Protein backbone atom coordinates (compact mmCIF):
# COMPACT_ATOMS: atom_id res chain seq x y z
CA UNK A 1 22.62 31.38 20.27
CA UNK A 2 22.43 32.09 24.15
CA UNK A 3 21.26 30.10 26.15
CA UNK A 4 20.85 30.21 30.30
CA UNK A 5 23.38 32.18 32.62
CA UNK A 6 24.98 34.08 29.49
CA UNK A 7 26.21 31.05 27.99
CA UNK A 8 26.68 30.30 24.09
CA UNK A 9 25.16 26.81 22.41
CA UNK A 10 26.10 26.20 19.50
CA UNK A 11 24.72 25.36 16.57
CA UNK A 12 23.64 21.92 17.04
CA UNK A 13 23.35 22.27 20.98
CA UNK A 14 20.37 24.47 19.58
CA UNK A 15 18.94 22.67 16.76
CA UNK A 16 18.50 20.32 19.47
CA UNK A 17 16.68 22.41 22.07
CA UNK A 18 14.15 23.35 19.38
CA UNK A 19 13.28 19.86 18.09
CA UNK A 20 12.88 18.27 21.80
CA UNK A 21 9.89 19.78 21.94
CA UNK A 22 8.53 18.50 19.03
CA UNK A 23 11.15 14.79 19.37
CA UNK A 24 9.36 14.51 22.98
CA UNK A 25 6.18 14.60 21.70
CA UNK A 26 6.53 12.37 18.42
CA UNK A 27 8.19 9.86 20.91
CA UNK A 28 5.66 9.72 23.48
CA UNK A 29 2.55 9.38 20.96
CA UNK A 30 4.26 7.70 18.05
CA UNK A 31 7.69 5.65 18.93
CA UNK A 32 6.86 4.06 22.70
CA UNK A 33 3.10 3.08 21.70
CA UNK A 34 4.84 0.95 18.25
CA UNK A 35 7.38 -0.26 20.39
CA UNK A 36 3.81 -0.79 22.89
CA UNK A 37 2.33 -2.61 20.61
CA UNK A 38 5.24 -4.91 19.18
CA UNK A 39 5.31 -6.28 23.04
CA UNK A 40 2.48 -6.34 23.53
CA UNK A 41 1.66 -8.43 19.65
CA UNK A 42 4.51 -11.10 21.90
CA UNK A 43 1.74 -12.10 24.32
CA UNK A 44 -1.88 -13.92 24.98
CA UNK A 45 -3.51 -10.43 26.12
CA UNK A 46 -6.98 -10.72 26.31
CA UNK A 47 -8.36 -6.59 26.37
CA UNK A 48 -10.82 -7.10 29.19
CA UNK A 49 -9.42 -9.49 31.32
CA UNK A 50 -6.05 -7.36 31.26
CA UNK A 51 -8.22 -4.14 32.27
CA UNK A 52 -9.51 -5.96 35.43
CA UNK A 53 -5.88 -8.03 35.85
CA UNK A 54 -2.85 -6.35 34.73
CA UNK A 55 -1.11 -9.56 35.20
CA UNK A 56 -3.32 -11.84 33.13
CA UNK A 57 -1.36 -11.29 30.11
CA UNK A 58 0.89 -14.32 29.14
CA UNK A 59 3.92 -14.34 26.91
CA UNK A 60 3.73 -16.37 23.62
CA UNK A 61 6.33 -15.41 21.64
CA UNK A 62 5.62 -15.75 17.60
CA UNK A 63 2.63 -17.47 18.30
CA UNK A 64 0.28 -14.57 17.87
CA UNK A 65 2.35 -14.13 14.41
CA UNK A 66 1.70 -18.20 13.86
CA UNK A 67 -1.90 -18.22 14.08
CA UNK A 68 -2.24 -14.99 12.13
CA UNK A 69 -0.41 -16.57 9.44
CA UNK A 70 0.42 -19.75 9.10
CA UNK A 71 -1.99 -23.26 9.56
CA UNK A 72 -1.56 -26.97 9.17
CA UNK A 73 0.38 -28.22 6.61
CA UNK A 74 0.23 -25.24 3.91
CA UNK A 75 2.44 -25.83 1.08
CA UNK A 76 3.28 -24.42 -2.22
CA UNK A 77 2.66 -24.29 -5.51
CA UNK A 78 2.90 -22.00 -9.29
CA UNK A 79 -1.23 -22.03 -9.26
CA UNK A 80 -2.47 -21.55 -6.34
CA UNK A 81 -3.85 -17.72 -7.07
CA UNK A 82 -3.24 -17.83 -10.33
CA UNK A 83 -4.06 -14.07 -11.19
CA UNK A 84 -2.13 -12.77 -8.24
CA UNK A 85 0.92 -15.05 -9.16
CA UNK A 86 0.04 -14.10 -12.61
CA UNK A 87 0.43 -10.82 -11.98
CA UNK A 88 3.67 -11.05 -10.43
CA UNK A 89 5.29 -12.76 -13.53
CA UNK A 90 4.34 -9.91 -15.47
CA UNK A 91 5.47 -7.82 -13.15
CA UNK A 92 9.37 -9.13 -13.34
CA UNK A 93 9.14 -9.56 -17.11
CA UNK A 94 8.51 -6.36 -17.29
CA UNK A 95 10.93 -5.24 -14.74
CA UNK A 96 13.40 -6.85 -16.66
CA UNK A 97 12.50 -5.12 -19.86
CA UNK A 98 11.92 -1.82 -19.09
CA UNK A 99 15.25 -1.92 -17.16
CA UNK A 100 17.18 -3.06 -20.31
CA UNK A 101 14.85 -0.75 -22.54
CA UNK A 102 16.72 2.22 -19.90
CA UNK A 103 12.91 2.76 -19.35
CA UNK A 104 13.42 2.05 -15.73
CA UNK A 105 16.43 3.05 -13.54
CA UNK A 106 17.75 0.34 -11.71
CA UNK A 107 16.66 0.84 -8.16
CA UNK A 108 12.89 1.16 -9.65
CA UNK A 109 13.48 -2.21 -11.81
CA UNK A 110 14.48 -3.98 -8.54
CA UNK A 111 11.67 -2.77 -6.36
CA UNK A 112 9.33 -3.51 -9.14
CA UNK A 113 10.79 -6.86 -8.97
CA UNK A 114 10.69 -7.40 -5.72
CA UNK A 115 7.34 -6.21 -5.44
CA UNK A 116 6.44 -8.81 -8.31
CA UNK A 117 8.54 -11.80 -6.55
CA UNK A 118 6.76 -10.90 -3.67
CA UNK A 119 3.49 -11.44 -5.23
CA UNK A 120 4.57 -14.79 -7.24
CA UNK A 121 5.60 -15.57 -3.49
CA UNK A 122 2.98 -14.89 -0.58
CA UNK A 123 0.15 -16.51 -2.95
CA UNK A 124 1.30 -19.63 -3.95
CA UNK A 125 1.08 -20.76 -0.20
CA UNK A 126 -2.23 -23.32 0.80
CA UNK A 127 -3.58 -25.44 2.78
CA UNK A 128 -2.98 -29.10 1.39
CA UNK A 129 -5.17 -32.23 1.65
CA UNK A 130 -6.23 -32.06 5.37
CA UNK A 131 -4.85 -29.05 6.20
CA UNK A 132 -6.05 -25.31 6.94
CA UNK A 133 -5.11 -22.36 7.96
CA UNK A 134 -5.83 -20.93 11.32
CA UNK A 135 -6.71 -17.87 10.93
CA UNK A 136 -9.10 -18.72 7.86
CA UNK A 137 -9.97 -15.00 7.04
CA UNK A 138 -6.73 -13.18 7.63
CA UNK A 139 -5.20 -13.94 4.36
CA UNK A 140 -8.83 -13.16 1.96
CA UNK A 141 -9.05 -9.61 3.91
CA UNK A 142 -4.93 -9.34 3.13
CA UNK A 143 -6.21 -9.97 -0.60
CA UNK A 144 -9.43 -7.67 -0.28
CA UNK A 145 -6.97 -4.71 1.11
CA UNK A 146 -4.82 -5.54 -1.97
CA UNK A 147 -7.73 -5.48 -4.25
CA UNK A 148 -8.79 -2.95 -3.58
CA UNK A 149 -5.04 -0.95 -2.99
CA UNK A 150 -4.98 -2.07 -6.86
CA UNK A 151 -8.31 -0.61 -7.65
CA UNK A 152 -8.12 2.76 -5.82
CA UNK A 153 -4.61 4.06 -6.42
CA UNK A 154 -4.35 3.86 -10.85
CA UNK A 155 -7.95 5.34 -10.26
CA UNK A 156 -6.96 8.42 -8.33
CA UNK A 157 -3.49 8.74 -10.21
CA UNK A 158 -5.06 8.43 -13.13
CA UNK A 159 -8.00 10.64 -13.07
CA UNK A 160 -6.34 13.63 -10.61
CA UNK A 161 -3.62 13.52 -13.00
CA UNK A 162 -6.11 13.70 -16.28
CA UNK A 163 -8.05 16.85 -14.00
CA UNK A 164 -4.83 18.54 -13.66
CA UNK A 165 -3.55 18.81 -17.22
CA UNK A 166 -7.42 20.20 -18.30
CA UNK A 167 -7.43 22.78 -14.97
CA UNK A 168 -3.79 24.16 -14.90
CA UNK A 169 -4.96 27.17 -17.24
CA UNK A 170 -4.64 30.33 -15.02
CA UNK A 171 -8.03 31.79 -15.59
CA UNK A 172 -10.86 32.83 -12.99
CA UNK A 173 -13.16 29.58 -14.79
CA UNK A 174 -10.13 27.35 -14.36
CA UNK A 175 -9.44 28.40 -10.33
CA UNK A 176 -13.05 27.77 -9.38
CA UNK A 177 -13.27 23.94 -11.15
CA UNK A 178 -10.03 23.40 -9.08
CA UNK A 179 -11.57 24.53 -5.87
CA UNK A 180 -14.54 22.22 -6.75
CA UNK A 181 -12.89 19.69 -7.66
CA UNK A 182 -10.48 19.49 -3.90
CA UNK A 183 -13.86 20.65 -1.93
CA UNK A 184 -13.81 16.50 -1.69
CA UNK A 185 -11.07 16.32 -0.12
CA UNK A 186 -11.99 18.64 3.29
CA UNK A 187 -14.83 16.39 3.66
CA UNK A 188 -15.19 13.51 6.71
CA UNK A 189 -15.25 9.76 6.24
CA UNK A 190 -18.53 9.79 7.64
CA UNK A 191 -20.14 12.44 4.72
CA UNK A 192 -18.56 11.02 2.30
CA UNK A 193 -20.14 7.70 3.04
CA UNK A 194 -23.94 9.20 3.63
CA UNK A 195 -23.29 11.01 0.14
CA UNK A 196 -22.61 7.76 -2.02
CA UNK A 197 -24.66 5.39 -0.05
CA UNK A 198 -27.42 7.90 -1.30
CA UNK A 199 -26.44 8.03 -4.73
CA UNK A 200 -25.54 4.31 -5.09
CA UNK A 201 -29.26 3.84 -3.25
CA UNK A 202 -31.49 1.31 -5.98
CA UNK A 203 -34.63 3.16 -5.16
CA UNK A 204 -33.74 6.97 -5.08
CA UNK A 205 -30.08 7.17 -5.78
CA UNK A 206 -28.90 9.03 -9.01
CA UNK A 207 -26.86 6.26 -10.13
CA UNK A 208 -30.63 3.98 -9.99
CA UNK A 209 -32.39 6.87 -11.60
CA UNK A 210 -30.14 7.40 -14.49
CA UNK A 211 -29.86 3.40 -15.17
CA UNK A 212 -33.74 3.90 -14.82
CA UNK A 213 -34.06 6.19 -17.49
CA UNK A 214 -32.38 4.44 -19.66
CA UNK A 215 -34.04 1.40 -19.42
CA UNK A 216 -31.69 -0.93 -17.36
CA UNK A 217 -32.15 -2.89 -14.12
CA UNK A 218 -30.92 -0.67 -10.97
CA UNK A 219 -27.94 -2.11 -9.51
CA UNK A 220 -27.95 -2.66 -5.63
CA UNK A 221 -24.32 -1.56 -5.59
CA UNK A 222 -23.70 -1.88 -1.51
CA UNK A 223 -25.40 -5.83 -0.86
CA UNK A 224 -23.94 -7.16 -4.50
CA UNK A 225 -20.83 -9.61 -3.71
CA UNK A 226 -19.63 -8.45 -7.64
CA UNK A 227 -19.83 -4.59 -7.08
CA UNK A 228 -19.82 -3.26 -3.36
CA UNK A 229 -15.54 -3.26 -3.88
CA UNK A 230 -16.03 -1.22 -6.92
CA UNK A 231 -18.66 0.59 -5.09
CA UNK A 232 -16.51 1.56 -2.10
CA UNK A 233 -13.38 2.44 -4.81
CA UNK A 234 -15.84 4.77 -6.46
CA UNK A 235 -16.61 6.95 -3.52
CA UNK A 236 -12.73 6.51 -2.49
CA UNK A 237 -11.18 7.83 -5.66
CA UNK A 238 -13.90 11.01 -4.90
CA UNK A 239 -12.74 12.01 -2.34
CA UNK A 240 -9.28 11.08 -2.65
CA UNK A 241 -8.52 13.51 -5.84
CA UNK A 242 -7.83 16.48 -3.98
CA UNK A 243 -4.29 16.25 -3.29
CA UNK A 244 -3.71 14.20 -5.68
CA UNK A 245 -4.39 17.31 -7.98
CA UNK A 246 -2.62 20.13 -6.67
CA UNK A 247 0.39 18.36 -6.14
CA UNK A 248 0.23 17.30 -9.98
CA UNK A 249 -0.89 20.55 -10.74
CA UNK A 250 2.65 21.96 -8.66
CA UNK A 251 3.84 19.39 -11.04
CA UNK A 252 3.04 20.65 -14.18
CA UNK A 253 3.74 24.67 -12.88
CA UNK A 254 7.33 23.58 -13.09
CA UNK A 255 7.48 22.09 -16.67
CA UNK A 256 8.88 25.36 -19.07
CA UNK A 257 6.30 27.05 -20.98
CA UNK A 258 9.34 27.19 -23.49
CA UNK A 259 9.50 23.22 -23.32
CA UNK A 260 5.58 23.68 -25.20
CA UNK A 261 6.35 26.32 -27.92
CA UNK A 262 9.51 24.21 -29.26
CA UNK A 263 7.30 21.34 -29.47
CA UNK A 264 3.89 23.39 -30.55
CA UNK A 265 6.38 24.40 -33.81
CA UNK A 266 7.41 20.50 -34.66
CA UNK A 267 3.26 20.44 -34.78
CA UNK A 268 3.82 17.99 -31.25
CA UNK A 269 -0.17 19.34 -29.15
CA UNK A 270 -2.53 18.59 -27.54
CA UNK A 271 -2.26 14.04 -27.04
CA UNK A 272 1.37 14.49 -28.42
CA UNK A 273 2.83 17.37 -25.79
CA UNK A 274 1.19 15.30 -22.91
CA UNK A 275 2.93 12.11 -24.04
CA UNK A 276 6.10 13.54 -25.18
CA UNK A 277 6.09 16.42 -22.76
CA UNK A 278 3.94 16.10 -20.02
CA UNK A 279 4.42 13.00 -18.92
CA UNK A 280 8.55 12.24 -18.54
CA UNK A 281 8.84 15.58 -16.69
CA UNK A 282 5.89 14.61 -14.21
CA UNK A 283 7.83 11.05 -13.58
CA UNK A 284 8.70 11.76 -10.08
CA UNK A 285 5.25 13.89 -9.55
CA UNK A 286 4.13 11.17 -10.36
CA UNK A 287 5.84 8.69 -8.54
CA UNK A 288 5.31 10.44 -5.54
CA UNK A 289 1.75 10.27 -5.63
CA UNK A 290 1.60 7.10 -6.24
CA UNK A 291 3.67 6.06 -3.22
CA UNK A 292 1.41 7.86 -0.94
CA UNK A 293 -1.37 6.85 -2.07
CA UNK A 294 -1.02 3.29 -1.62
CA UNK A 295 0.21 3.75 2.15
CA UNK A 296 -2.67 6.06 2.40
CA UNK A 297 -5.50 3.53 1.02
CA UNK A 298 -3.73 0.26 2.68
CA UNK A 299 -5.45 2.09 5.92
CA UNK A 300 -8.77 2.01 4.48
CA UNK A 301 -11.50 1.48 7.06
CA UNK A 302 -14.20 3.83 6.94
CA UNK A 303 -15.17 3.49 3.58
CA UNK A 304 -15.76 -0.15 3.92
CA UNK A 305 -16.95 -0.22 7.96
CA UNK A 306 -19.82 2.70 6.94
CA UNK A 307 -20.51 1.93 3.98
CA UNK A 308 -20.78 -2.25 3.66
CA UNK A 309 -19.54 -3.07 7.02
CA UNK A 310 -17.42 -5.43 5.45
CA UNK A 311 -20.23 -7.50 3.52
CA UNK A 312 -21.58 -8.90 1.47
CA UNK A 313 -19.98 -12.27 2.74
CA UNK A 314 -17.15 -10.41 3.35
CA UNK A 315 -16.06 -9.62 -0.08
CA UNK A 316 -15.34 -5.87 1.40
CA UNK A 317 -13.39 -6.66 4.78
CA UNK A 318 -10.29 -4.93 4.44
CA UNK A 319 -6.96 -5.56 7.25
CA UNK A 320 -7.42 -2.17 9.71
CA UNK A 321 -11.26 -3.28 9.72
CA UNK A 322 -10.44 -6.98 10.96
CA UNK A 323 -7.54 -5.43 13.20
CA UNK A 324 -10.63 -3.40 15.18
CA UNK A 325 -12.62 -6.30 15.23
CA UNK A 326 -10.00 -8.67 16.52
CA UNK A 327 -9.03 -6.42 19.53
CA UNK A 328 -11.90 -4.45 20.17
CA UNK A 329 -14.93 -6.61 19.57
CA UNK A 330 -13.10 -10.53 19.93
CA UNK A 331 -10.73 -8.43 22.65
CA UNK A 332 -7.58 -10.75 21.27
CA UNK A 333 -5.47 -7.66 21.42
CA UNK A 334 -1.64 -9.79 21.46
CA UNK A 335 -3.37 -11.00 17.84
CA UNK A 336 -4.85 -7.55 16.77
CA UNK A 337 -1.43 -5.82 17.70
CA UNK A 338 0.50 -8.77 15.48
CA UNK A 339 -1.21 -8.09 11.98
CA UNK A 340 -0.98 -4.57 12.78
CA UNK A 341 3.00 -5.21 13.05
CA UNK A 342 2.19 -7.39 9.21
CA UNK A 343 0.58 -3.92 8.11
CA UNK A 344 3.06 -1.58 9.72
CA UNK A 345 5.87 -3.92 7.48
CA UNK A 346 3.64 -3.62 3.95
CA UNK A 347 3.53 0.34 4.48
CA UNK A 348 7.64 0.73 5.89
CA UNK A 349 8.56 -0.90 2.95
CA UNK A 350 6.22 1.69 0.26
CA UNK A 351 7.62 4.86 2.69
CA UNK A 352 11.49 3.66 2.32
CA UNK A 353 10.76 3.07 -1.11
CA UNK A 354 9.31 6.58 -1.35
CA UNK A 355 12.40 7.77 0.61
CA UNK A 356 14.71 6.29 -1.90
CA UNK A 357 13.37 7.09 -5.29
CA UNK A 358 12.60 11.10 -3.82
CA UNK A 359 16.87 10.89 -3.38
CA UNK A 360 17.47 9.18 -6.49
CA UNK A 361 18.88 11.76 -9.33
CA UNK A 362 17.54 11.83 -12.63
């Protein structure tokens, strides 16, 4: 490539020159705000006070992290959170068993084992006698977020996989159906939540009408503590199907039809073909979809904020909404930034897993 004044640029210099506009925008709008957020998290930073007086902030080190994540007289026990710790112990056993049976690679087994160990370790902390958390809402909010991710990710993945398998044909009808199922993806969160608020209405909603037809009592989905989180998950699964379905359709197209024809000679059709041919060949696509969905759903905000306002009784309060309230309602920007860094670490860990799994050879 020839630069100004007739000077010839090397391939590396030309590549850097072409990438410079993107790198500049990336540094300005992503890298700088990230490090600015980390710096803010180390300060007692009142949003309104600093807006009028830039010197009103005070450096406090890791005190914001302590205020958010720790408390007084905190103890650890194996039975502090039986559900989450039991799930973690099950994950540890499965990661070891699947690795021994060659069902998981070494890396995947280690990744599952580490995630399971965190489920055993972190929920075990609890206030002892006379102790308390400094921020009593933070860890329950993290638990709500984990519960949402734990329900939404399998829901999206399994539903999208089944739809992709059913709509993988090349007929005109299949193309129309694929378009219809993808349409929900292009809607904004405001439209999605409005649609599902109407659907879940105990008086005029479609679900209430169907329940009443069969003699049942309509459920107050959005105000009942037992059903509010389920309502948000259902709306999210419906909204998030499109991209996951397209990824699975792309993976299905890479599977040679000759494999299915050869299997059909051995009477391996239908469910057998799906289990023994489709699923093994979609292993990497499934991993990609799961990791992307985990990263996406950890950032849930609009569904909780618009459908239930975090209620009832904080049962649908999620981490991003709590960060928003702490920073912009309570003006405690330092504490909100500390929680945002915590969320970044979680999503960064899953991003690293995606990168390593993507590079791993079959």
